[in-house]
Amino acid sequence: MAWKFALIVVVGYLLGSISSAIIYIRKRYHVDVREEGSGNAGATNVARTHGLQAGLITLGFDMVKTALSALFGYWLAGSTGVAVACAAAITGHCWPVYFGFRGGKGVSVAACIALLLDWRFFLILLVLFFAVFFLARRVSVCSITAAAAYPWLYLLLRPGVTPAFFLCLYVMVLVIFLHRGNIGRLIRGEEAEFRFGKK
């Protein structure tokens, strides 16, 4: 059984390491998105630097790779395999082996994980995200708030200490950790409002 989980971790991580932000922007605009905007290889920075359509394309591909990872995990080890695969995928997304371990901050993958776990969970997080954006106009605040609520909202919907709950805890810690720079800028009043790119 151990070999199955080892394989799930490897496949999930390698799939997660496929950075759609880097690949798409490099192919479409011949630049490295990590050298633009916030320097983050994620859907938000793509939308900020190259427009809404590019951001949505990036988000779509990020969700597909996460879903494929989860499907593989489920095939080998059921619901526990899904949790392990998703944890590996979000890790690969943030530290992709193919791109010098410089990736995104996990938000798009976290969104897909929420949808895979429970559509109600996803919808509540989505409403929370946009409600905070309406008030703060800063995506980092939305992401940090949603991450902080992530495991506790899931626990309300699906009571019990399960592998999925531990996955949600991991997502919370990971996303908040990767936004530590944003938190510092927010404290100093230096975090800029979000604007879509015009490219």
N, C-alpha and C. Protein backbone atom coordinates (compact mmCIF):
# COMPACT_ATOMS: atom_id res chain seq x y z
N MET A 1 0.82 -1.21 0.00
CA MET A 1 0.00 0.00 0.00
C MET A 1 0.86 1.27 0.00
N ALA A 2 2.02 1.19 0.66
CA ALA A 2 2.89 2.36 0.75
C ALA A 2 3.34 2.82 -0.63
N TRP A 3 3.58 1.86 -1.52
CA TRP A 3 4.05 2.22 -2.85
C TRP A 3 3.00 3.02 -3.61
N LYS A 4 1.74 2.74 -3.33
CA LYS A 4 0.68 3.48 -4.00
C LYS A 4 0.72 4.95 -3.61
N PHE A 5 0.87 5.21 -2.32
CA PHE A 5 0.92 6.61 -1.86
C PHE A 5 2.18 7.31 -2.34
N ALA A 6 3.29 6.55 -2.39
CA ALA A 6 4.52 7.14 -2.92
C ALA A 6 4.33 7.54 -4.38
N LEU A 7 3.67 6.68 -5.14
CA LEU A 7 3.41 6.98 -6.55
C LEU A 7 2.44 8.15 -6.70
N ILE A 8 1.45 8.21 -5.85
CA ILE A 8 0.50 9.32 -5.88
C ILE A 8 1.22 10.64 -5.62
N VAL A 9 2.12 10.65 -4.64
CA VAL A 9 2.87 11.87 -4.32
C VAL A 9 3.71 12.31 -5.52
N VAL A 10 4.42 11.37 -6.13
CA VAL A 10 5.29 11.70 -7.27
C VAL A 10 4.48 12.21 -8.45
N VAL A 11 3.42 11.49 -8.83
CA VAL A 11 2.61 11.90 -9.98
C VAL A 11 1.89 13.21 -9.70
N GLY A 12 1.34 13.36 -8.50
CA GLY A 12 0.66 14.60 -8.14
C GLY A 12 1.59 15.79 -8.17
N TYR A 13 2.80 15.59 -7.64
CA TYR A 13 3.78 16.68 -7.65
C TYR A 13 4.21 17.05 -9.06
N LEU A 14 4.48 16.05 -9.89
CA LEU A 14 4.92 16.32 -11.26
C LEU A 14 3.82 17.00 -12.09
N LEU A 15 2.57 16.58 -11.90
CA LEU A 15 1.46 17.24 -12.58
C LEU A 15 1.30 18.67 -12.07
N GLY A 16 1.39 18.84 -10.76
CA GLY A 16 1.28 20.18 -10.17
C GLY A 16 2.39 21.11 -10.62
N SER A 17 3.55 20.54 -10.95
CA SER A 17 4.70 21.34 -11.37
C SER A 17 4.55 21.91 -12.79
N ILE A 18 3.55 21.45 -13.52
CA ILE A 18 3.31 22.00 -14.86
C ILE A 18 2.69 23.39 -14.69
N SER A 19 3.50 24.41 -14.82
CA SER A 19 3.04 25.78 -14.57
C SER A 19 2.41 26.37 -15.82
N SER A 20 1.10 26.43 -15.84
CA SER A 20 0.40 26.97 -17.01
C SER A 20 0.70 28.45 -17.20
N ALA A 21 0.90 29.17 -16.10
CA ALA A 21 1.22 30.60 -16.20
C ALA A 21 2.52 30.81 -16.97
N ILE A 22 3.54 30.06 -16.59
CA ILE A 22 4.85 30.21 -17.26
C ILE A 22 4.78 29.74 -18.70
N ILE A 23 4.19 28.57 -18.93
CA ILE A 23 4.15 27.99 -20.27
C ILE A 23 3.31 28.85 -21.22
N TYR A 24 2.12 29.22 -20.79
CA TYR A 24 1.22 29.98 -21.67
C TYR A 24 1.78 31.37 -21.99
N ILE A 25 2.24 32.08 -21.00
CA ILE A 25 2.74 33.45 -21.23
C ILE A 25 4.04 33.41 -22.04
N ARG A 26 4.86 32.43 -21.79
CA ARG A 26 6.11 32.32 -22.57
C ARG A 26 5.80 32.04 -24.04
N LYS A 27 4.82 31.15 -24.28
CA LYS A 27 4.47 30.80 -25.66
C LYS A 27 3.73 31.95 -26.35
N ARG A 28 2.82 32.60 -25.61
CA ARG A 28 1.96 33.62 -26.21
C ARG A 28 2.65 34.97 -26.34
N TYR A 29 3.42 35.36 -25.31
CA TYR A 29 4.00 36.70 -25.29
C TYR A 29 5.54 36.70 -25.28
N HIS A 30 6.13 35.51 -25.20
CA HIS A 30 7.60 35.36 -25.25
C HIS A 30 8.29 36.08 -24.09
N VAL A 31 7.65 36.04 -22.93
CA VAL A 31 8.25 36.60 -21.72
C VAL A 31 8.03 35.62 -20.57
N ASP A 32 8.78 35.81 -19.50
CA ASP A 32 8.61 35.02 -18.28
C ASP A 32 7.73 35.82 -17.33
N VAL A 33 6.55 35.32 -17.02
CA VAL A 33 5.61 36.06 -16.17
C VAL A 33 6.20 36.34 -14.79
N ARG A 34 7.21 35.56 -14.40
CA ARG A 34 7.84 35.78 -13.10
C ARG A 34 8.71 37.02 -13.08
N GLU A 35 8.94 37.59 -14.27
CA GLU A 35 9.70 38.85 -14.36
C GLU A 35 8.76 40.05 -14.52
N GLU A 36 7.45 39.82 -14.38
CA GLU A 36 6.47 40.88 -14.55
C GLU A 36 5.60 41.00 -13.30
N GLY A 37 4.98 42.15 -13.14
CA GLY A 37 4.02 42.33 -12.06
C GLY A 37 4.57 41.97 -10.70
N SER A 38 3.86 41.06 -10.03
CA SER A 38 4.26 40.64 -8.68
C SER A 38 5.40 39.63 -8.69
N GLY A 39 5.72 39.09 -9.88
CA GLY A 39 6.75 38.07 -9.97
C GLY A 39 6.25 36.68 -9.65
N ASN A 40 4.95 36.55 -9.53
CA ASN A 40 4.34 35.28 -9.16
C ASN A 40 3.83 34.56 -10.41
N ALA A 41 4.07 33.25 -10.49
CA ALA A 41 3.61 32.46 -11.64
C ALA A 41 2.24 31.88 -11.34
N GLY A 42 1.24 32.77 -11.27
CA GLY A 42 -0.11 32.34 -10.98
C GLY A 42 -1.12 33.10 -11.81
N ALA A 43 -2.37 32.66 -11.73
CA ALA A 43 -3.43 33.25 -12.55
C ALA A 43 -3.64 34.73 -12.26
N THR A 44 -3.51 35.14 -11.00
CA THR A 44 -3.73 36.54 -10.65
C THR A 44 -2.70 37.44 -11.32
N ASN A 45 -1.43 37.04 -11.26
CA ASN A 45 -0.40 37.87 -11.88
C ASN A 45 -0.53 37.87 -13.40
N VAL A 46 -0.97 36.74 -13.97
CA VAL A 46 -1.20 36.70 -15.41
C VAL A 46 -2.31 37.67 -15.79
N ALA A 47 -3.41 37.67 -15.01
CA ALA A 47 -4.51 38.61 -15.28
C ALA A 47 -4.06 40.05 -15.08
N ARG A 48 -3.23 40.28 -14.09
CA ARG A 48 -2.73 41.63 -13.81
C ARG A 48 -1.87 42.14 -14.96
N THR A 49 -1.05 41.28 -15.53
CA THR A 49 -0.09 41.72 -16.54
C THR A 49 -0.55 41.52 -17.98
N HIS A 50 -1.47 40.56 -18.21
CA HIS A 50 -1.86 40.24 -19.59
C HIS A 50 -3.37 40.19 -19.82
N GLY A 51 -4.14 40.55 -18.82
CA GLY A 51 -5.58 40.66 -19.03
C GLY A 51 -6.39 39.50 -18.49
N LEU A 52 -7.70 39.73 -18.41
CA LEU A 52 -8.63 38.75 -17.82
C LEU A 52 -8.63 37.42 -18.57
N GLN A 53 -8.66 37.47 -19.90
CA GLN A 53 -8.72 36.23 -20.68
C GLN A 53 -7.52 35.34 -20.40
N ALA A 54 -6.34 35.93 -20.38
CA ALA A 54 -5.12 35.15 -20.09
C ALA A 54 -5.18 34.57 -18.68
N GLY A 55 -5.70 35.35 -17.74
CA GLY A 55 -5.82 34.88 -16.37
C GLY A 55 -6.77 33.70 -16.25
N LEU A 56 -7.89 33.77 -16.98
CA LEU A 56 -8.87 32.68 -16.93
C LEU A 56 -8.33 31.41 -17.60
N ILE A 57 -7.57 31.57 -18.68
CA ILE A 57 -6.95 30.42 -19.34
C ILE A 57 -5.99 29.73 -18.38
N THR A 58 -5.19 30.53 -17.69
CA THR A 58 -4.25 30.00 -16.72
C THR A 58 -4.98 29.27 -15.59
N LEU A 59 -6.02 29.90 -15.09
CA LEU A 59 -6.82 29.29 -14.02
C LEU A 59 -7.41 27.95 -14.48
N GLY A 60 -7.91 27.92 -15.71
CA GLY A 60 -8.50 26.69 -16.23
C GLY A 60 -7.51 25.55 -16.29
N PHE A 61 -6.31 25.83 -16.79
CA PHE A 61 -5.30 24.79 -16.88
C PHE A 61 -4.85 24.34 -15.49
N ASP A 62 -4.75 25.28 -14.55
CA ASP A 62 -4.37 24.91 -13.18
C ASP A 62 -5.40 23.98 -12.56
N MET A 63 -6.66 24.23 -12.85
CA MET A 63 -7.72 23.38 -12.31
C MET A 63 -7.72 22.00 -12.96
N VAL A 64 -7.40 21.96 -14.24
CA VAL A 64 -7.34 20.67 -14.94
C VAL A 64 -6.24 19.78 -14.36
N LYS A 65 -5.06 20.36 -14.15
CA LYS A 65 -3.96 19.53 -13.63
C LYS A 65 -4.26 19.04 -12.22
N THR A 66 -4.95 19.87 -11.44
CA THR A 66 -5.33 19.46 -10.09
C THR A 66 -6.35 18.33 -10.14
N ALA A 67 -7.33 18.46 -11.03
CA ALA A 67 -8.35 17.42 -11.17
C ALA A 67 -7.74 16.10 -11.64
N LEU A 68 -6.78 16.17 -12.55
CA LEU A 68 -6.11 14.96 -13.02
C LEU A 68 -5.33 14.29 -11.90
N SER A 69 -4.67 15.10 -11.08
CA SER A 69 -3.94 14.56 -9.92
C SER A 69 -4.90 13.85 -8.98
N ALA A 70 -6.03 14.50 -8.68
CA ALA A 70 -7.03 13.93 -7.78
C ALA A 70 -7.60 12.63 -8.34
N LEU A 71 -7.84 12.62 -9.63
CA LEU A 71 -8.39 11.41 -10.28
C LEU A 71 -7.41 10.25 -10.15
N PHE A 72 -6.14 10.54 -10.35
CA PHE A 72 -5.13 9.49 -10.22
C PHE A 72 -5.09 8.98 -8.78
N GLY A 73 -5.14 9.92 -7.82
CA GLY A 73 -5.13 9.52 -6.42
C GLY A 73 -6.33 8.67 -6.05
N TYR A 74 -7.49 9.05 -6.58
CA TYR A 74 -8.70 8.28 -6.29
C TYR A 74 -8.62 6.88 -6.90
N TRP A 75 -8.08 6.80 -8.08
CA TRP A 75 -7.94 5.51 -8.77
C TRP A 75 -7.08 4.53 -7.98
N LEU A 76 -6.03 5.05 -7.35
CA LEU A 76 -5.12 4.17 -6.62
C LEU A 76 -5.53 3.94 -5.16
N ALA A 77 -6.12 4.97 -4.52
CA ALA A 77 -6.33 4.84 -3.07
C ALA A 77 -7.58 5.53 -2.55
N GLY A 78 -8.58 5.72 -3.39
CA GLY A 78 -9.84 6.27 -2.92
C GLY A 78 -9.74 7.69 -2.41
N SER A 79 -10.56 8.04 -1.43
CA SER A 79 -10.62 9.42 -0.95
C SER A 79 -9.33 9.86 -0.27
N THR A 80 -8.66 8.94 0.40
CA THR A 80 -7.36 9.28 1.01
C THR A 80 -6.34 9.60 -0.08
N GLY A 81 -6.40 8.86 -1.16
CA GLY A 81 -5.51 9.13 -2.30
C GLY A 81 -5.76 10.50 -2.90
N VAL A 82 -7.02 10.92 -2.93
CA VAL A 82 -7.36 12.26 -3.43
C VAL A 82 -6.69 13.33 -2.57
N ALA A 83 -6.78 13.18 -1.26
CA ALA A 83 -6.18 14.17 -0.36
C ALA A 83 -4.66 14.24 -0.54
N VAL A 84 -4.03 13.08 -0.64
CA VAL A 84 -2.57 13.03 -0.82
C VAL A 84 -2.18 13.64 -2.17
N ALA A 85 -2.91 13.29 -3.23
CA ALA A 85 -2.60 13.79 -4.57
C ALA A 85 -2.76 15.30 -4.64
N CYS A 86 -3.81 15.82 -4.03
CA CYS A 86 -4.04 17.27 -4.06
C CYS A 86 -2.96 18.02 -3.28
N ALA A 87 -2.55 17.46 -2.15
CA ALA A 87 -1.46 18.07 -1.38
C ALA A 87 -0.18 18.10 -2.20
N ALA A 88 0.09 17.01 -2.92
CA ALA A 88 1.29 16.96 -3.77
C ALA A 88 1.17 17.93 -4.93
N ALA A 89 -0.02 18.05 -5.52
CA ALA A 89 -0.21 18.93 -6.67
C ALA A 89 -0.02 20.40 -6.30
N ILE A 90 -0.56 20.82 -5.16
CA ILE A 90 -0.42 22.22 -4.77
C ILE A 90 1.03 22.52 -4.39
N THR A 91 1.72 21.53 -3.86
CA THR A 91 3.15 21.69 -3.56
C THR A 91 3.94 21.88 -4.85
N GLY A 92 3.64 21.05 -5.85
CA GLY A 92 4.31 21.19 -7.14
C GLY A 92 3.99 22.51 -7.81
N HIS A 93 2.76 22.97 -7.68
CA HIS A 93 2.37 24.26 -8.26
C HIS A 93 3.20 25.40 -7.66
N CYS A 94 3.43 25.33 -6.37
CA CYS A 94 4.16 26.40 -5.68
C CYS A 94 5.67 26.29 -5.87
N TRP A 95 6.17 25.06 -5.94
CA TRP A 95 7.61 24.83 -6.13
C TRP A 95 7.81 23.84 -7.28
N PRO A 96 7.60 24.29 -8.53
CA PRO A 96 7.65 23.39 -9.68
C PRO A 96 9.07 22.94 -10.03
N VAL A 97 9.26 21.65 -10.13
CA VAL A 97 10.57 21.10 -10.41
C VAL A 97 11.06 21.51 -11.80
N TYR A 98 10.13 21.73 -12.74
CA TYR A 98 10.52 22.06 -14.12
C TYR A 98 10.96 23.52 -14.28
N PHE A 99 10.68 24.36 -13.30
CA PHE A 99 10.91 25.80 -13.47
C PHE A 99 11.67 26.40 -12.29
N GLY A 100 12.69 25.67 -11.85
CA GLY A 100 13.56 26.20 -10.81
C GLY A 100 12.88 26.39 -9.47
N PHE A 101 11.81 25.66 -9.23
CA PHE A 101 11.08 25.72 -7.96
C PHE A 101 10.52 27.11 -7.65
N ARG A 102 10.22 27.87 -8.71
CA ARG A 102 9.60 29.19 -8.56
C ARG A 102 8.24 29.16 -9.25
N GLY A 103 7.19 29.02 -8.47
CA GLY A 103 5.87 28.88 -9.05
C GLY A 103 4.86 29.88 -8.51
N GLY A 104 3.62 29.42 -8.37
CA GLY A 104 2.55 30.29 -7.91
C GLY A 104 2.36 30.21 -6.41
N LYS A 105 1.27 30.78 -5.93
CA LYS A 105 1.00 30.81 -4.50
C LYS A 105 -0.14 29.88 -4.10
N GLY A 106 -0.57 29.05 -5.03
CA GLY A 106 -1.48 27.97 -4.68
C GLY A 106 -2.96 28.28 -4.70
N VAL A 107 -3.35 29.51 -4.99
CA VAL A 107 -4.76 29.89 -4.85
C VAL A 107 -5.65 29.18 -5.88
N SER A 108 -5.22 29.15 -7.13
CA SER A 108 -6.04 28.51 -8.16
C SER A 108 -6.18 27.01 -7.90
N VAL A 109 -5.11 26.38 -7.45
CA VAL A 109 -5.16 24.95 -7.13
C VAL A 109 -6.05 24.73 -5.91
N ALA A 110 -5.96 25.62 -4.93
CA ALA A 110 -6.82 25.53 -3.74
C ALA A 110 -8.29 25.65 -4.12
N ALA A 111 -8.58 26.49 -5.10
CA ALA A 111 -9.97 26.65 -5.57
C ALA A 111 -10.48 25.34 -6.16
N CYS A 112 -9.66 24.70 -6.96
CA CYS A 112 -10.06 23.42 -7.56
C CYS A 112 -10.21 22.34 -6.50
N ILE A 113 -9.32 22.32 -5.53
CA ILE A 113 -9.43 21.34 -4.45
C ILE A 113 -10.76 21.51 -3.72
N ALA A 114 -11.13 22.76 -3.46
CA ALA A 114 -12.41 23.03 -2.78
C ALA A 114 -13.58 22.49 -3.60
N LEU A 115 -13.53 22.70 -4.91
CA LEU A 115 -14.60 22.22 -5.79
C LEU A 115 -14.66 20.70 -5.80
N LEU A 116 -13.50 20.06 -5.79
CA LEU A 116 -13.45 18.60 -5.79
C LEU A 116 -13.96 18.00 -4.47
N LEU A 117 -13.70 18.70 -3.38
CA LEU A 117 -14.11 18.19 -2.07
C LEU A 117 -15.61 18.33 -1.83
N ASP A 118 -16.16 19.49 -2.19
CA ASP A 118 -17.59 19.74 -1.95
C ASP A 118 -17.97 21.02 -2.67
N TRP A 119 -18.91 20.96 -3.60
CA TRP A 119 -19.28 22.14 -4.39
C TRP A 119 -19.82 23.26 -3.50
N ARG A 120 -20.44 22.91 -2.38
CA ARG A 120 -20.92 23.94 -1.45
C ARG A 120 -19.75 24.69 -0.83
N PHE A 121 -18.73 23.95 -0.49
CA PHE A 121 -17.50 24.52 0.07
C PHE A 121 -16.89 25.52 -0.91
N PHE A 122 -16.82 25.12 -2.17
CA PHE A 122 -16.29 26.00 -3.22
C PHE A 122 -17.12 27.28 -3.36
N LEU A 123 -18.44 27.15 -3.38
CA LEU A 123 -19.30 28.32 -3.55
C LEU A 123 -19.19 29.29 -2.38
N ILE A 124 -19.12 28.77 -1.17
CA ILE A 124 -18.98 29.64 0.01
C ILE A 124 -17.66 30.39 -0.05
N LEU A 125 -16.59 29.69 -0.39
CA LEU A 125 -15.28 30.34 -0.51
C LEU A 125 -15.29 31.39 -1.61
N LEU A 126 -15.96 31.09 -2.72
CA LEU A 126 -16.04 32.03 -3.84
C LEU A 126 -16.76 33.31 -3.42
N VAL A 127 -17.88 33.16 -2.73
CA VAL A 127 -18.63 34.32 -2.24
C VAL A 127 -17.77 35.12 -1.26
N LEU A 128 -17.10 34.44 -0.36
CA LEU A 128 -16.22 35.11 0.60
C LEU A 128 -15.12 35.88 -0.12
N PHE A 129 -14.51 35.23 -1.11
CA PHE A 129 -13.42 35.85 -1.87
C PHE A 129 -13.87 37.16 -2.50
N PHE A 130 -15.01 37.14 -3.21
CA PHE A 130 -15.45 38.33 -3.92
C PHE A 130 -16.04 39.38 -2.98
N ALA A 131 -16.60 38.95 -1.86
CA ALA A 131 -17.08 39.92 -0.87
C ALA A 131 -15.90 40.71 -0.29
N VAL A 132 -14.82 40.02 0.01
CA VAL A 132 -13.62 40.70 0.53
C VAL A 132 -13.01 41.58 -0.56
N PHE A 133 -13.02 41.09 -1.80
CA PHE A 133 -12.47 41.91 -2.89
C PHE A 133 -13.27 43.20 -3.06
N PHE A 134 -14.59 43.13 -2.92
CA PHE A 134 -15.43 44.31 -3.03
C PHE A 134 -15.05 45.35 -1.98
N LEU A 135 -14.67 44.87 -0.80
CA LEU A 135 -14.32 45.78 0.30
C LEU A 135 -12.87 46.26 0.22
N ALA A 136 -11.96 45.34 -0.14
CA ALA A 136 -10.52 45.66 -0.03
C ALA A 136 -9.85 45.97 -1.36
N ARG A 137 -10.38 45.46 -2.48
CA ARG A 137 -9.80 45.67 -3.80
C ARG A 137 -8.37 45.14 -3.91
N ARG A 138 -8.02 44.20 -3.07
CA ARG A 138 -6.69 43.60 -3.12
C ARG A 138 -6.84 42.09 -3.09
N VAL A 139 -6.36 41.44 -4.14
CA VAL A 139 -6.53 40.00 -4.25
C VAL A 139 -5.81 39.27 -3.13
N SER A 140 -4.70 39.81 -2.69
CA SER A 140 -3.96 39.16 -1.61
C SER A 140 -4.80 39.06 -0.34
N VAL A 141 -5.57 40.09 -0.03
CA VAL A 141 -6.44 40.07 1.15
C VAL A 141 -7.51 38.99 0.98
N CYS A 142 -8.07 38.90 -0.23
CA CYS A 142 -9.08 37.86 -0.52
C CYS A 142 -8.48 36.47 -0.33
N SER A 143 -7.30 36.26 -0.87
CA SER A 143 -6.66 34.95 -0.81
C SER A 143 -6.32 34.56 0.62
N ILE A 144 -5.79 35.50 1.38
CA ILE A 144 -5.41 35.22 2.77
C ILE A 144 -6.66 34.93 3.61
N THR A 145 -7.71 35.72 3.40
CA THR A 145 -8.95 35.51 4.15
C THR A 145 -9.57 34.15 3.83
N ALA A 146 -9.65 33.83 2.54
CA ALA A 146 -10.21 32.53 2.13
C ALA A 146 -9.37 31.38 2.68
N ALA A 147 -8.05 31.54 2.65
CA ALA A 147 -7.16 30.48 3.17
C ALA A 147 -7.36 30.30 4.67
N ALA A 148 -7.49 31.40 5.39
CA ALA A 148 -7.67 31.32 6.85
C ALA A 148 -8.98 30.61 7.21
N ALA A 149 -10.00 30.80 6.36
CA ALA A 149 -11.30 30.17 6.62
C ALA A 149 -11.38 28.74 6.08
N TYR A 150 -10.46 28.36 5.22
CA TYR A 150 -10.53 27.13 4.42
C TYR A 150 -10.84 25.87 5.24
N PRO A 151 -10.01 25.50 6.22
CA PRO A 151 -10.29 24.23 6.90
C PRO A 151 -11.53 24.28 7.79
N TRP A 152 -11.81 25.45 8.35
CA TRP A 152 -12.91 25.56 9.30
C TRP A 152 -14.26 25.53 8.58
N LEU A 153 -14.33 26.13 7.41
CA LEU A 153 -15.54 26.03 6.62
C LEU A 153 -15.79 24.58 6.19
N TYR A 154 -14.72 23.92 5.79
CA TYR A 154 -14.86 22.52 5.39
C TYR A 154 -15.35 21.67 6.57
N LEU A 155 -14.80 21.95 7.75
CA LEU A 155 -15.18 21.19 8.94
C LEU A 155 -16.65 21.40 9.29
N LEU A 156 -17.16 22.60 9.05
CA LEU A 156 -18.57 22.87 9.30
C LEU A 156 -19.46 22.05 8.36
N LEU A 157 -19.03 21.94 7.11
CA LEU A 157 -19.82 21.20 6.12
C LEU A 157 -19.64 19.69 6.25
N ARG A 158 -18.42 19.28 6.57
CA ARG A 158 -18.12 17.84 6.66
C ARG A 158 -17.43 17.56 8.00
N PRO A 159 -18.19 17.51 9.09
CA PRO A 159 -17.59 17.30 10.42
C PRO A 159 -16.77 16.01 10.48
N GLY A 160 -15.69 16.09 11.24
CA GLY A 160 -14.85 14.91 11.41
C GLY A 160 -13.42 15.17 10.97
N VAL A 161 -12.49 14.55 11.67
CA VAL A 161 -11.07 14.70 11.34
C VAL A 161 -10.73 13.63 10.30
N THR A 162 -10.69 14.04 9.05
CA THR A 162 -10.48 13.13 7.92
C THR A 162 -9.23 13.55 7.16
N PRO A 163 -8.75 12.71 6.22
CA PRO A 163 -7.63 13.14 5.37
C PRO A 163 -7.93 14.43 4.62
N ALA A 164 -9.18 14.63 4.21
CA ALA A 164 -9.55 15.87 3.51
C ALA A 164 -9.40 17.08 4.42
N PHE A 165 -9.74 16.94 5.70
CA PHE A 165 -9.57 18.04 6.64
C PHE A 165 -8.10 18.39 6.80
N PHE A 166 -7.24 17.38 6.91
CA PHE A 166 -5.81 17.64 7.02
C PHE A 166 -5.28 18.31 5.74
N LEU A 167 -5.82 17.92 4.60
CA LEU A 167 -5.48 18.59 3.35
C LEU A 167 -5.84 20.07 3.43
N CYS A 168 -7.02 20.37 3.93
CA CYS A 168 -7.46 21.76 4.06
C CYS A 168 -6.56 22.55 5.01
N LEU A 169 -6.14 21.92 6.09
CA LEU A 169 -5.19 22.57 7.00
C LEU A 169 -3.88 22.89 6.27
N TYR A 170 -3.41 21.95 5.48
CA TYR A 170 -2.17 22.15 4.72
C TYR A 170 -2.31 23.30 3.73
N VAL A 171 -3.45 23.34 3.04
CA VAL A 171 -3.71 24.43 2.10
C VAL A 171 -3.69 25.77 2.82
N MET A 172 -4.33 25.85 3.97
CA MET A 172 -4.34 27.10 4.73
C MET A 172 -2.93 27.57 5.07
N VAL A 173 -2.15 26.69 5.65
CA VAL A 173 -0.79 27.05 6.07
C VAL A 173 0.06 27.44 4.86
N LEU A 174 -0.04 26.67 3.79
CA LEU A 174 0.78 26.91 2.61
C LEU A 174 0.45 28.25 1.96
N VAL A 175 -0.83 28.52 1.73
CA VAL A 175 -1.22 29.75 1.05
C VAL A 175 -0.87 30.98 1.89
N ILE A 176 -1.12 30.92 3.18
CA ILE A 176 -0.78 32.06 4.04
C ILE A 176 0.73 32.27 4.09
N PHE A 177 1.48 31.18 4.19
CA PHE A 177 2.94 31.29 4.20
C PHE A 177 3.46 31.95 2.93
N LEU A 178 2.91 31.56 1.79
CA LEU A 178 3.38 32.11 0.52
C LEU A 178 2.92 33.55 0.30
N HIS A 179 1.99 34.01 1.11
CA HIS A 179 1.56 35.42 1.04
C HIS A 179 2.20 36.27 2.14
N ARG A 180 3.26 35.76 2.76
CA ARG A 180 3.88 36.50 3.85
C ARG A 180 4.41 37.86 3.40
N GLY A 181 4.91 37.92 2.16
CA GLY A 181 5.37 39.20 1.63
C GLY A 181 4.22 40.19 1.47
N ASN A 182 3.08 39.68 1.00
CA ASN A 182 1.88 40.51 0.87
C ASN A 182 1.42 41.02 2.23
N ILE A 183 1.48 40.14 3.23
CA ILE A 183 1.08 40.53 4.58
C ILE A 183 1.94 41.68 5.08
N GLY A 184 3.25 41.57 4.83
CA GLY A 184 4.15 42.66 5.22
C GLY A 184 3.81 43.97 4.53
N ARG A 185 3.51 43.90 3.23
CA ARG A 185 3.15 45.13 2.50
C ARG A 185 1.81 45.69 2.97
N LEU A 186 0.89 44.80 3.32
CA LEU A 186 -0.40 45.27 3.85
C LEU A 186 -0.21 46.00 5.17
N ILE A 187 0.63 45.47 6.02
CA ILE A 187 0.91 46.10 7.31
C ILE A 187 1.54 47.48 7.11
N ARG A 188 2.42 47.57 6.11
CA ARG A 188 3.09 48.85 5.84
C ARG A 188 2.25 49.78 4.97
N GLY A 189 1.10 49.31 4.49
CA GLY A 189 0.25 50.12 3.63
C GLY A 189 0.79 50.27 2.22
N GLU A 190 1.57 49.28 1.76
CA GLU A 190 2.21 49.38 0.46
C GLU A 190 1.60 48.45 -0.60
N GLU A 191 0.61 47.64 -0.22
CA GLU A 191 0.03 46.69 -1.16
C GLU A 191 -0.88 47.42 -2.15
N ALA A 192 -0.62 47.24 -3.43
CA ALA A 192 -1.38 47.96 -4.46
C ALA A 192 -2.73 47.30 -4.71
N GLU A 193 -3.70 48.09 -5.16
CA GLU A 193 -4.98 47.56 -5.57
C GLU A 193 -4.82 46.78 -6.86
N PHE A 194 -5.73 45.81 -7.09
CA PHE A 194 -5.64 44.98 -8.27
C PHE A 194 -6.19 45.71 -9.50
N ARG A 195 -5.48 45.60 -10.61
CA ARG A 195 -5.92 46.14 -11.90
C ARG A 195 -5.66 45.09 -12.97
N PHE A 196 -6.62 44.89 -13.87
CA PHE A 196 -6.39 43.98 -14.98
C PHE A 196 -5.41 44.59 -15.97
N GLY A 197 -4.54 43.72 -16.55
CA GLY A 197 -3.62 44.18 -17.58
C GLY A 197 -4.36 44.47 -18.86
N LYS A 198 -3.70 45.14 -19.79
CA LYS A 198 -4.33 45.54 -21.05
C LYS A 198 -3.79 44.79 -22.25
N LYS A 199 -2.89 43.83 -22.00
CA LYS A 199 -2.27 43.13 -23.14
C LYS A 199 -3.25 42.12 -23.71
